[in-house]
PDB file of N, CA and C in Angstrom:
ATOM      1  N   MET A   1     -30.755  79.787 -38.663  1.00  0.00           N
ATOM      2  CA  MET A   1     -30.708  80.955 -39.459  1.00  0.00           C
ATOM      3  C   MET A   1     -31.379  80.728 -40.855  1.00  0.00           C
ATOM      4  N   ARG A   2     -31.095  79.564 -41.435  1.00  0.00           N
ATOM      5  CA  ARG A   2     -31.767  79.264 -42.638  1.00  0.00           C
ATOM      6  C   ARG A   2     -33.233  79.159 -42.580  1.00  0.00           C
ATOM      7  N   THR A   3     -33.685  78.570 -41.379  1.00  0.00           N
ATOM      8  CA  THR A   3     -35.089  78.412 -41.203  1.00  0.00           C
ATOM      9  C   THR A   3     -35.805  79.817 -41.056  1.00  0.00           C
ATOM     10  N   THR A   4     -35.070  80.726 -40.451  1.00  0.00           N
ATOM     11  CA  THR A   4     -35.702  82.044 -40.259  1.00  0.00           C
ATOM     12  C   THR A   4     -35.798  82.723 -41.675  1.00  0.00           C
ATOM     13  N   LEU A   5     -34.662  82.528 -42.489  1.00  0.00           N
ATOM     14  CA  LEU A   5     -34.677  83.112 -43.829  1.00  0.00           C
ATOM     15  C   LEU A   5     -35.775  82.486 -44.648  1.00  0.00           C
ATOM     16  N   PHE A   6     -35.898  81.176 -44.616  1.00  0.00           N
ATOM     17  CA  PHE A   6     -36.951  80.557 -45.360  1.00  0.00           C
ATOM     18  C   PHE A   6     -38.361  81.036 -44.952  1.00  0.00           C
ATOM     19  N   LEU A   7     -38.546  81.001 -43.634  1.00  0.00           N
ATOM     20  CA  LEU A   7     -39.923  81.569 -43.229  1.00  0.00           C
ATOM     21  C   LEU A   7     -40.196  82.978 -43.582  1.00  0.00           C
ATOM     22  N   THR A   8     -39.083  83.815 -43.539  1.00  0.00           N
ATOM     23  CA  THR A   8     -39.252  85.149 -43.913  1.00  0.00           C
ATOM     24  C   THR A   8     -39.627  85.303 -45.394  1.00  0.00           C
ATOM     25  N   VAL A   9     -38.860  84.586 -46.174  1.00  0.00           N
ATOM     26  CA  VAL A   9     -39.154  84.634 -47.742  1.00  0.00           C
ATOM     27  C   VAL A   9     -40.538  84.121 -47.994  1.00  0.00           C
ATOM     28  N   LEU A  10     -40.846  82.888 -47.342  1.00  0.00           N
ATOM     29  CA  LEU A  10     -42.182  82.334 -47.652  1.00  0.00           C
ATOM     30  C   LEU A  10     -43.265  83.247 -47.162  1.00  0.00           C
ATOM     31  N   LEU A  11     -43.166  83.811 -45.972  1.00  0.00           N
ATOM     32  CA  LEU A  11     -44.209  84.692 -45.460  1.00  0.00           C
ATOM     33  C   LEU A  11     -44.273  85.950 -46.265  1.00  0.00           C
ATOM     34  N   SER A  12     -43.165  86.370 -46.785  1.00  0.00           N
ATOM     35  CA  SER A  12     -43.089  87.587 -47.657  1.00  0.00           C
ATOM     36  C   SER A  12     -43.859  87.288 -48.928  1.00  0.00           C
ATOM     37  N   ALA A  13     -43.593  86.197 -49.543  1.00  0.00           N
ATOM     38  CA  ALA A  13     -44.333  85.782 -50.766  1.00  0.00           C
ATOM     39  C   ALA A  13     -45.907  85.736 -50.518  1.00  0.00           C
ATOM     40  N   LEU A  14     -46.284  85.154 -49.370  1.00  0.00           N
ATOM     41  CA  LEU A  14     -47.614  85.080 -49.077  1.00  0.00           C
ATOM     42  C   LEU A  14     -48.208  86.350 -48.741  1.00  0.00           C
ATOM     43  N   TRP A  15     -47.440  87.250 -48.170  1.00  0.00           N
ATOM     44  CA  TRP A  15     -47.846  88.580 -47.775  1.00  0.00           C
ATOM     45  C   TRP A  15     -48.497  89.299 -48.942  1.00  0.00           C
ATOM     46  N   GLY A  16     -47.828  89.257 -50.084  1.00  0.00           N
ATOM     47  CA  GLY A  16     -48.433  89.957 -51.302  1.00  0.00           C
ATOM     48  C   GLY A  16     -49.760  89.464 -51.722  1.00  0.00           C
ATOM     49  N   CYS A  17     -50.120  88.213 -51.426  1.00  0.00           N
ATOM     50  CA  CYS A  17     -51.437  87.742 -51.863  1.00  0.00           C
ATOM     51  C   CYS A  17     -52.432  87.640 -50.695  1.00  0.00           C
ATOM     52  N   SER A  18     -52.040  88.000 -49.593  1.00  0.00           N
ATOM     53  CA  SER A  18     -52.930  87.915 -48.366  1.00  0.00           C
ATOM     54  C   SER A  18     -54.065  88.919 -48.459  1.00  0.00           C
ATOM     55  N   THR A  19     -55.215  88.394 -47.969  1.00  0.00           N
ATOM     56  CA  THR A  19     -56.355  89.295 -47.852  1.00  0.00           C
ATOM     57  C   THR A  19     -56.578  89.617 -46.329  1.00  0.00           C
ATOM     58  N   LEU A  20     -55.665  89.323 -45.547  1.00  0.00           N
ATOM     59  CA  LEU A  20     -55.706  89.640 -44.172  1.00  0.00           C
ATOM     60  C   LEU A  20     -55.427  91.120 -43.951  1.00  0.00           C
ATOM     61  N   PRO A  21     -56.146  91.723 -43.018  1.00  0.00           N
ATOM     62  CA  PRO A  21     -55.866  93.109 -42.687  1.00  0.00           C
ATOM     63  C   PRO A  21     -54.577  93.274 -42.020  1.00  0.00           C
ATOM     64  N   PRO A  22     -53.879  94.440 -42.272  1.00  0.00           N
ATOM     65  CA  PRO A  22     -52.620  94.651 -41.703  1.00  0.00           C
ATOM     66  C   PRO A  22     -52.718  94.852 -40.210  1.00  0.00           C
ATOM     67  N   MET A  23     -51.686  94.444 -39.430  1.00  0.00           N
ATOM     68  CA  MET A  23     -51.651  94.480 -38.025  1.00  0.00           C
ATOM     69  C   MET A  23     -51.527  95.930 -37.506  1.00  0.00           C
ATOM     70  N   ALA A  24     -52.336  96.328 -36.602  1.00  0.00           N
ATOM     71  CA  ALA A  24     -52.237  97.672 -36.087  1.00  0.00           C
ATOM     72  C   ALA A  24     -51.486  97.478 -34.688  1.00  0.00           C
ATOM     73  N   SER A  25     -50.756  98.540 -34.263  1.00  0.00           N
ATOM     74  CA  SER A  25     -50.061  98.504 -33.045  1.00  0.00           C
ATOM     75  C   SER A  25     -50.997  98.379 -31.832  1.00  0.00           C
ATOM     76  N   SER A  26     -50.540  97.610 -30.846  1.00  0.00           N
ATOM     77  CA  SER A  26     -51.290  97.550 -29.605  1.00  0.00           C
ATOM     78  C   SER A  26     -50.586  98.492 -28.549  1.00  0.00           C
ATOM     79  N   ASN A  27     -49.522  99.100 -28.983  1.00  0.00           N
ATOM     80  CA  ASN A  27     -48.841  99.988 -28.046  1.00  0.00           C
ATOM     81  C   ASN A  27     -49.560 101.311 -27.933  1.00  0.00           C
ATOM     82  N   PRO A  28     -49.977 101.755 -26.666  1.00  0.00           N
ATOM     83  CA  PRO A  28     -50.676 102.969 -26.588  1.00  0.00           C
ATOM     84  C   PRO A  28     -49.826 104.226 -26.760  1.00  0.00           C
ATOM     85  N   ALA A  29     -48.498 104.055 -26.813  1.00  0.00           N
ATOM     86  CA  ALA A  29     -47.657 105.176 -27.053  1.00  0.00           C
ATOM     87  C   ALA A  29     -47.700 105.727 -28.463  1.00  0.00           C
ATOM     88  N   THR A  30     -48.249 104.863 -29.343  1.00  0.00           N
ATOM     89  CA  THR A  30     -48.255 105.271 -30.816  1.00  0.00           C
ATOM     90  C   THR A  30     -49.641 105.916 -31.044  1.00  0.00           C
ATOM     91  N   ALA A  31     -49.635 106.650 -32.184  1.00  0.00           N
ATOM     92  CA  ALA A  31     -50.873 107.387 -32.504  1.00  0.00           C
ATOM     93  C   ALA A  31     -51.998 106.355 -32.652  1.00  0.00           C
ATOM     94  N   PRO A  32     -53.240 106.691 -32.180  1.00  0.00           N
ATOM     95  CA  PRO A  32     -54.358 105.792 -32.372  1.00  0.00           C
ATOM     96  C   PRO A  32     -54.560 105.473 -33.805  1.00  0.00           C
ATOM     97  N   GLY A  33     -54.635 104.099 -34.093  1.00  0.00           N
ATOM     98  CA  GLY A  33     -54.858 103.666 -35.479  1.00  0.00           C
ATOM     99  C   GLY A  33     -53.567 103.650 -36.276  1.00  0.00           C
ATOM    100  N   GLN A  34     -52.509 103.971 -35.748  1.00  0.00           N
ATOM    101  CA  GLN A  34     -51.211 103.999 -36.595  1.00  0.00           C
ATOM    102  C   GLN A  34     -50.993 102.573 -36.983  1.00  0.00           C
ATOM    103  N   ASN A  35     -50.869 102.339 -38.320  1.00  0.00           N
ATOM    104  CA  ASN A  35     -50.696 101.027 -38.921  1.00  0.00           C
ATOM    105  C   ASN A  35     -49.121 100.694 -39.097  1.00  0.00           C
ATOM    106  N   THR A  36     -48.669  99.666 -38.461  1.00  0.00           N
ATOM    107  CA  THR A  36     -47.337  99.334 -38.590  1.00  0.00           C
ATOM    108  C   THR A  36     -46.883  98.970 -39.981  1.00  0.00           C
ATOM    109  N   GLU A  37     -47.717  98.357 -40.743  1.00  0.00           N
ATOM    110  CA  GLU A  37     -47.338  98.034 -42.171  1.00  0.00           C
ATOM    111  C   GLU A  37     -47.153  99.270 -42.970  1.00  0.00           C
ATOM    112  N   VAL A  38     -47.980 100.219 -42.747  1.00  0.00           N
ATOM    113  CA  VAL A  38     -47.850 101.527 -43.492  1.00  0.00           C
ATOM    114  C   VAL A  38     -46.594 102.201 -43.027  1.00  0.00           C
ATOM    115  N   PHE A  39     -46.317 102.202 -41.672  1.00  0.00           N
ATOM    116  CA  PHE A  39     -45.149 102.774 -41.128  1.00  0.00           C
ATOM    117  C   PHE A  39     -43.867 102.251 -41.774  1.00  0.00           C
ATOM    118  N   VAL A  40     -43.874 100.914 -41.934  1.00  0.00           N
ATOM    119  CA  VAL A  40     -42.597 100.241 -42.438  1.00  0.00           C
ATOM    120  C   VAL A  40     -42.511 100.625 -43.943  1.00  0.00           C
ATOM    121  N   LYS A  41     -43.604 100.636 -44.691  1.00  0.00           N
ATOM    122  CA  LYS A  41     -43.511 101.000 -46.056  1.00  0.00           C
ATOM    123  C   LYS A  41     -43.095 102.414 -46.353  1.00  0.00           C
ATOM    124  N   GLN A  42     -43.685 103.291 -45.479  1.00  0.00           N
ATOM    125  CA  GLN A  42     -43.307 104.681 -45.690  1.00  0.00           C
ATOM    126  C   GLN A  42     -41.962 105.054 -45.154  1.00  0.00           C
ATOM    127  N   ASN A  43     -41.350 104.332 -44.246  1.00  0.00           N
ATOM    128  CA  ASN A  43     -40.023 104.657 -43.687  1.00  0.00           C
ATOM    129  C   ASN A  43     -39.028 103.586 -44.027  1.00  0.00           C
ATOM    130  N   HIS A  44     -39.250 102.815 -45.088  1.00  0.00           N
ATOM    131  CA  HIS A  44     -38.412 101.664 -45.471  1.00  0.00           C
ATOM    132  C   HIS A  44     -36.961 102.150 -45.586  1.00  0.00           C
ATOM    133  N   ALA A  45     -36.682 103.237 -46.280  1.00  0.00           N
ATOM    134  CA  ALA A  45     -35.306 103.659 -46.457  1.00  0.00           C
ATOM    135  C   ALA A  45     -34.639 104.027 -45.135  1.00  0.00           C
ATOM    136  N   ALA A  46     -35.380 104.720 -44.346  1.00  0.00           N
ATOM    137  CA  ALA A  46     -34.751 105.098 -43.047  1.00  0.00           C
ATOM    138  C   ALA A  46     -34.584 103.910 -42.128  1.00  0.00           C
ATOM    139  N   LEU A  47     -35.475 102.886 -42.204  1.00  0.00           N
ATOM    140  CA  LEU A  47     -35.351 101.729 -41.398  1.00  0.00           C
ATOM    141  C   LEU A  47     -34.081 100.928 -41.902  1.00  0.00           C
ATOM    142  N   ILE A  48     -33.843 100.882 -43.111  1.00  0.00           N
ATOM    143  CA  ILE A  48     -32.652 100.167 -43.715  1.00  0.00           C
ATOM    144  C   ILE A  48     -31.392 100.880 -43.274  1.00  0.00           C
ATOM    145  N   ALA A  49     -31.453 102.215 -43.349  1.00  0.00           N
ATOM    146  CA  ALA A  49     -30.212 103.036 -42.856  1.00  0.00           C
ATOM    147  C   ALA A  49     -29.975 102.759 -41.324  1.00  0.00           C
ATOM    148  N   ASP A  50     -31.026 102.655 -40.600  1.00  0.00           N
ATOM    149  CA  ASP A  50     -30.896 102.466 -39.139  1.00  0.00           C
ATOM    150  C   ASP A  50     -30.366 101.056 -38.838  1.00  0.00           C
ATOM    151  N   ILE A  51     -30.850 100.119 -39.658  1.00  0.00           N
ATOM    152  CA  ILE A  51     -30.393  98.759 -39.418  1.00  0.00           C
ATOM    153  C   ILE A  51     -28.831  98.644 -39.764  1.00  0.00           C
ATOM    154  N   GLU A  52     -28.500  99.227 -40.827  1.00  0.00           N
ATOM    155  CA  GLU A  52     -27.072  99.313 -41.286  1.00  0.00           C
ATOM    156  C   GLU A  52     -26.177  99.901 -40.172  1.00  0.00           C
ATOM    157  N   ALA A  53     -26.747 100.951 -39.582  1.00  0.00           N
ATOM    158  CA  ALA A  53     -25.983 101.674 -38.530  1.00  0.00           C
ATOM    159  C   ALA A  53     -26.061 101.012 -37.229  1.00  0.00           C
ATOM    160  N   GLY A  54     -26.889 100.049 -37.000  1.00  0.00           N
ATOM    161  CA  GLY A  54     -26.961  99.303 -35.738  1.00  0.00           C
ATOM    162  C   GLY A  54     -27.949  99.912 -34.818  1.00  0.00           C
ATOM    163  N   GLY A  55     -28.764 100.825 -35.347  1.00  0.00           N
ATOM    164  CA  GLY A  55     -29.809 101.465 -34.555  1.00  0.00           C
ATOM    165  C   GLY A  55     -30.123 102.886 -35.028  1.00  0.00           C
ATOM    166  N   GLY A  56     -31.196 103.434 -34.593  1.00  0.00           N
ATOM    167  CA  GLY A  56     -31.525 104.815 -34.916  1.00  0.00           C
ATOM    168  C   GLY A  56     -33.015 105.026 -34.460  1.00  0.00           C
ATOM    169  N   ALA A  57     -33.367 106.319 -34.640  1.00  0.00           N
ATOM    170  CA  ALA A  57     -34.653 106.747 -34.198  1.00  0.00           C
ATOM    171  C   ALA A  57     -35.801 106.059 -34.826  1.00  0.00           C
ATOM    172  N   THR A  58     -35.766 105.828 -36.183  1.00  0.00           N
ATOM    173  CA  THR A  58     -36.832 105.182 -36.957  1.00  0.00           C
ATOM    174  C   THR A  58     -36.930 103.680 -36.560  1.00  0.00           C
ATOM    175  N   LEU A  59     -35.805 103.050 -36.381  1.00  0.00           N
ATOM    176  CA  LEU A  59     -35.844 101.598 -35.901  1.00  0.00           C
ATOM    177  C   LEU A  59     -36.420 101.596 -34.519  1.00  0.00           C
ATOM    178  N   THR A  60     -36.019 102.465 -33.719  1.00  0.00           N
ATOM    179  CA  THR A  60     -36.536 102.425 -32.314  1.00  0.00           C
ATOM    180  C   THR A  60     -37.998 102.613 -32.253  1.00  0.00           C
ATOM    181  N   GLN A  61     -38.496 103.575 -33.137  1.00  0.00           N
ATOM    182  CA  GLN A  61     -39.940 103.769 -33.194  1.00  0.00           C
ATOM    183  C   GLN A  61     -40.724 102.481 -33.717  1.00  0.00           C
ATOM    184  N   ALA A  62     -40.134 101.900 -34.683  1.00  0.00           N
ATOM    185  CA  ALA A  62     -40.692 100.598 -35.177  1.00  0.00           C
ATOM    186  C   ALA A  62     -40.755  99.535 -34.082  1.00  0.00           C
ATOM    187  N   TYR A  63     -39.640  99.384 -33.322  1.00  0.00           N
ATOM    188  CA  TYR A  63     -39.646  98.491 -32.259  1.00  0.00           C
ATOM    189  C   TYR A  63     -40.623  98.807 -31.177  1.00  0.00           C
ATOM    190  N   ASP A  64     -40.842 100.104 -30.843  1.00  0.00           N
ATOM    191  CA  ASP A  64     -41.764 100.507 -29.894  1.00  0.00           C
ATOM    192  C   ASP A  64     -43.165 100.181 -30.452  1.00  0.00           C
ATOM    193  N   MET A  65     -43.428 100.433 -31.565  1.00  0.00           N
ATOM    194  CA  MET A  65     -44.789 100.145 -32.188  1.00  0.00           C
ATOM    195  C   MET A  65     -45.154  98.709 -32.200  1.00  0.00           C
ATOM    196  N   MET A  66     -44.122  97.872 -32.336  1.00  0.00           N
ATOM    197  CA  MET A  66     -44.330  96.439 -32.341  1.00  0.00           C
ATOM    198  C   MET A  66     -44.139  95.699 -31.009  1.00  0.00           C
ATOM    199  N   ASP A  67     -43.875  96.549 -29.942  1.00  0.00           N
ATOM    200  CA  ASP A  67     -43.608  95.941 -28.711  1.00  0.00           C
ATOM    201  C   ASP A  67     -42.489  94.996 -28.579  1.00  0.00           C
ATOM    202  N   VAL A  68     -41.380  95.294 -29.290  1.00  0.00           N
ATOM    203  CA  VAL A  68     -40.159  94.530 -29.215  1.00  0.00           C
ATOM    204  C   VAL A  68     -39.492  94.844 -27.837  1.00  0.00           C
ATOM    205  N   ASN A  69     -39.278  93.755 -27.117  1.00  0.00           N
ATOM    206  CA  ASN A  69     -38.625  93.941 -25.751  1.00  0.00           C
ATOM    207  C   ASN A  69     -37.286  94.617 -25.881  1.00  0.00           C
ATOM    208  N   ALA A  70     -37.184  95.652 -25.034  1.00  0.00           N
ATOM    209  CA  ALA A  70     -35.965  96.463 -25.084  1.00  0.00           C
ATOM    210  C   ALA A  70     -34.697  95.588 -24.840  1.00  0.00           C
ATOM    211  N   ALA A  71     -34.791  94.532 -24.032  1.00  0.00           N
ATOM    212  CA  ALA A  71     -33.620  93.654 -23.794  1.00  0.00           C
ATOM    213  C   ALA A  71     -33.197  92.924 -24.949  1.00  0.00           C
ATOM    214  N   THR A  72     -34.052  92.655 -25.864  1.00  0.00           N
ATOM    215  CA  THR A  72     -33.709  91.852 -27.125  1.00  0.00           C
ATOM    216  C   THR A  72     -33.470  92.590 -28.407  1.00  0.00           C
ATOM    217  N   ARG A  73     -33.555  93.981 -28.293  1.00  0.00           N
ATOM    218  CA  ARG A  73     -33.512  94.803 -29.549  1.00  0.00           C
ATOM    219  C   ARG A  73     -32.127  94.655 -30.203  1.00  0.00           C
ATOM    220  N   ASP A  74     -31.053  94.571 -29.377  1.00  0.00           N
ATOM    221  CA  ASP A  74     -29.734  94.469 -30.011  1.00  0.00           C
ATOM    222  C   ASP A  74     -29.555  93.198 -30.819  1.00  0.00           C
ATOM    223  N   ILE A  75     -30.066  92.172 -30.227  1.00  0.00           N
ATOM    224  CA  ILE A  75     -30.104  90.890 -30.974  1.00  0.00           C
ATOM    225  C   ILE A  75     -30.865  90.954 -32.217  1.00  0.00           C
ATOM    226  N   ALA A  76     -32.058  91.538 -32.034  1.00  0.00           N
ATOM    227  CA  ALA A  76     -32.964  91.617 -33.236  1.00  0.00           C
ATOM    228  C   ALA A  76     -32.320  92.453 -34.339  1.00  0.00           C
ATOM    229  N   THR A  77     -31.584  93.511 -33.997  1.00  0.00           N
ATOM    230  CA  THR A  77     -30.905  94.349 -34.986  1.00  0.00           C
ATOM    231  C   THR A  77     -29.799  93.658 -35.640  1.00  0.00           C
ATOM    232  N   LEU A  78     -29.080  92.839 -34.859  1.00  0.00           N
ATOM    233  CA  LEU A  78     -27.949  91.929 -35.430  1.00  0.00           C
ATOM    234  C   LEU A  78     -28.622  91.004 -36.504  1.00  0.00           C
ATOM    235  N   ARG A  79     -29.767  90.376 -36.104  1.00  0.00           N
ATOM    236  CA  ARG A  79     -30.370  89.386 -37.012  1.00  0.00           C
ATOM    237  C   ARG A  79     -30.841  90.140 -38.333  1.00  0.00           C
ATOM    238  N   LEU A  80     -31.381  91.360 -38.153  1.00  0.00           N
ATOM    239  CA  LEU A  80     -31.818  92.097 -39.269  1.00  0.00           C
ATOM    240  C   LEU A  80     -30.597  92.408 -40.115  1.00  0.00           C
ATOM    241  N   GLN A  81     -29.518  92.842 -39.567  1.00  0.00           N
ATOM    242  CA  GLN A  81     -28.326  93.077 -40.353  1.00  0.00           C
ATOM    243  C   GLN A  81     -27.761  91.852 -41.110  1.00  0.00           C
ATOM    244  N   SER A  82     -27.936  90.697 -40.585  1.00  0.00           N
ATOM    245  CA  SER A  82     -27.454  89.574 -41.266  1.00  0.00           C
ATOM    246  C   SER A  82     -28.189  89.187 -42.509  1.00  0.00           C
ATOM    247  N   GLU A  83     -29.408  89.695 -42.645  1.00  0.00           N
ATOM    248  CA  GLU A  83     -30.227  89.383 -43.843  1.00  0.00           C
ATOM    249  C   GLU A  83     -30.672  90.683 -44.512  1.00  0.00           C
ATOM    250  N   LEU A  84     -29.824  91.653 -44.431  1.00  0.00           N
ATOM    251  CA  LEU A  84     -30.176  93.007 -44.866  1.00  0.00           C
ATOM    252  C   LEU A  84     -30.466  93.014 -46.418  1.00  0.00           C
ATOM    253  N   SER A  85     -29.717  92.190 -47.187  1.00  0.00           N
ATOM    254  CA  SER A  85     -29.876  92.195 -48.653  1.00  0.00           C
ATOM    255  C   SER A  85     -31.335  91.873 -49.021  1.00  0.00           C
ATOM    256  N   LEU A  86     -32.019  91.073 -48.222  1.00  0.00           N
ATOM    257  CA  LEU A  86     -33.414  90.629 -48.453  1.00  0.00           C
ATOM    258  C   LEU A  86     -34.315  91.824 -48.131  1.00  0.00           C
ATOM    259  N   TYR A  87     -34.079  92.401 -47.020  1.00  0.00           N
ATOM    260  CA  TYR A  87     -34.990  93.558 -46.561  1.00  0.00           C
ATOM    261  C   TYR A  87     -34.820  94.776 -47.374  1.00  0.00           C
ATOM    262  N   ARG A  88     -33.685  94.953 -48.003  1.00  0.00           N
ATOM    263  CA  ARG A  88     -33.514  96.176 -48.882  1.00  0.00           C
ATOM    264  C   ARG A  88     -34.425  96.211 -49.948  1.00  0.00           C
ATOM    265  N   THR A  89     -34.830  95.104 -50.535  1.00  0.00           N
ATOM    266  CA  THR A  89     -35.730  95.001 -51.689  1.00  0.00           C
ATOM    267  C   THR A  89     -37.164  94.662 -51.330  1.00  0.00           C
ATOM    268  N   SER A  90     -37.434  94.288 -50.116  1.00  0.00           N
ATOM    269  CA  SER A  90     -38.718  93.847 -49.756  1.00  0.00           C
ATOM    270  C   SER A  90     -39.212  94.413 -48.360  1.00  0.00           C
ATOM    271  N   PRO A  91     -39.936  95.506 -48.378  1.00  0.00           N
ATOM    272  CA  PRO A  91     -40.515  95.983 -47.199  1.00  0.00           C
ATOM    273  C   PRO A  91     -41.381  94.975 -46.445  1.00  0.00           C
ATOM    274  N   GLY A  92     -42.080  94.159 -47.219  1.00  0.00           N
ATOM    275  CA  GLY A  92     -42.870  93.050 -46.648  1.00  0.00           C
ATOM    276  C   GLY A  92     -42.140  92.132 -45.805  1.00  0.00           C
ATOM    277  N   ALA A  93     -40.987  91.741 -46.362  1.00  0.00           N
ATOM    278  CA  ALA A  93     -40.154  90.846 -45.559  1.00  0.00           C
ATOM    279  C   ALA A  93     -39.543  91.447 -44.337  1.00  0.00           C
ATOM    280  N   LEU A  94     -39.277  92.783 -44.429  1.00  0.00           N
ATOM    281  CA  LEU A  94     -38.835  93.521 -43.276  1.00  0.00           C
ATOM    282  C   LEU A  94     -39.866  93.599 -42.192  1.00  0.00           C
ATOM    283  N   MET A  95     -41.120  93.826 -42.577  1.00  0.00           N
ATOM    284  CA  MET A  95     -42.248  93.901 -41.741  1.00  0.00           C
ATOM    285  C   MET A  95     -42.419  92.576 -41.016  1.00  0.00           C
ATOM    286  N   ILE A  96     -42.337  91.496 -41.684  1.00  0.00           N
ATOM    287  CA  ILE A  96     -42.470  90.153 -41.143  1.00  0.00           C
ATOM    288  C   ILE A  96     -41.354  89.914 -40.064  1.00  0.00           C
ATOM    289  N   ALA A  97     -40.159  90.269 -40.481  1.00  0.00           N
ATOM    290  CA  ALA A  97     -39.006  90.050 -39.572  1.00  0.00           C
ATOM    291  C   ALA A  97     -39.131  90.859 -38.274  1.00  0.00           C
ATOM    292  N   LEU A  98     -39.650  92.041 -38.421  1.00  0.00           N
ATOM    293  CA  LEU A  98     -39.885  92.893 -37.185  1.00  0.00           C
ATOM    294  C   LEU A  98     -40.888  92.351 -36.348  1.00  0.00           C
ATOM    295  N   ARG A  99     -41.960  91.823 -37.011  1.00  0.00           N
ATOM    296  CA  ARG A  99     -43.058  91.103 -36.177  1.00  0.00           C
ATOM    297  C   ARG A  99     -42.569  89.916 -35.412  1.00  0.00           C
ATOM    298  N   LEU A 100     -41.651  89.156 -36.072  1.00  0.00           N
ATOM    299  CA  LEU A 100     -41.161  87.994 -35.438  1.00  0.00           C
ATOM    300  C   LEU A 100     -40.486  88.251 -34.101  1.00  0.00           C
ATOM    301  N   HIS A 101     -39.953  89.519 -33.980  1.00  0.00           N
ATOM    302  CA  HIS A 101     -39.314  89.946 -32.729  1.00  0.00           C
ATOM    303  C   HIS A 101     -40.191  90.575 -31.693  1.00  0.00           C
ATOM    304  N   SER A 102     -41.457  90.794 -32.082  1.00  0.00           N
ATOM    305  CA  SER A 102     -42.316  91.468 -31.186  1.00  0.00           C
ATOM    306  C   SER A 102     -42.747  90.492 -30.010  1.00  0.00           C
ATOM    307  N   GLY A 103     -43.157  91.079 -28.927  1.00  0.00           N
ATOM    308  CA  GLY A 103     -43.498  90.231 -27.804  1.00  0.00           C
ATOM    309  C   GLY A 103     -44.903  90.390 -27.380  1.00  0.00           C
TER     310      GLY A 103
END
């Protein structure tokens, strides 16, 4: 768990200085060109609320966009809940955490 937190914080810090282009969804169910980074930033408050509640429409949409396996979503949500204080203040850290669960 500490390794995950460390990597999330490290990657979040690097995220702010990265010149890499944001990851676009490979899921055809999403709108063409829909950018997952933009989605997380625009829906940050709703995602935090869904994580607190143990699920919701916005979190489901994020999981769909990032191809998170339906069988592992409950575990992913529990992990997100365990480090929620970090994700409340850092959409970048939340983005990275969601990507870590993508398949």
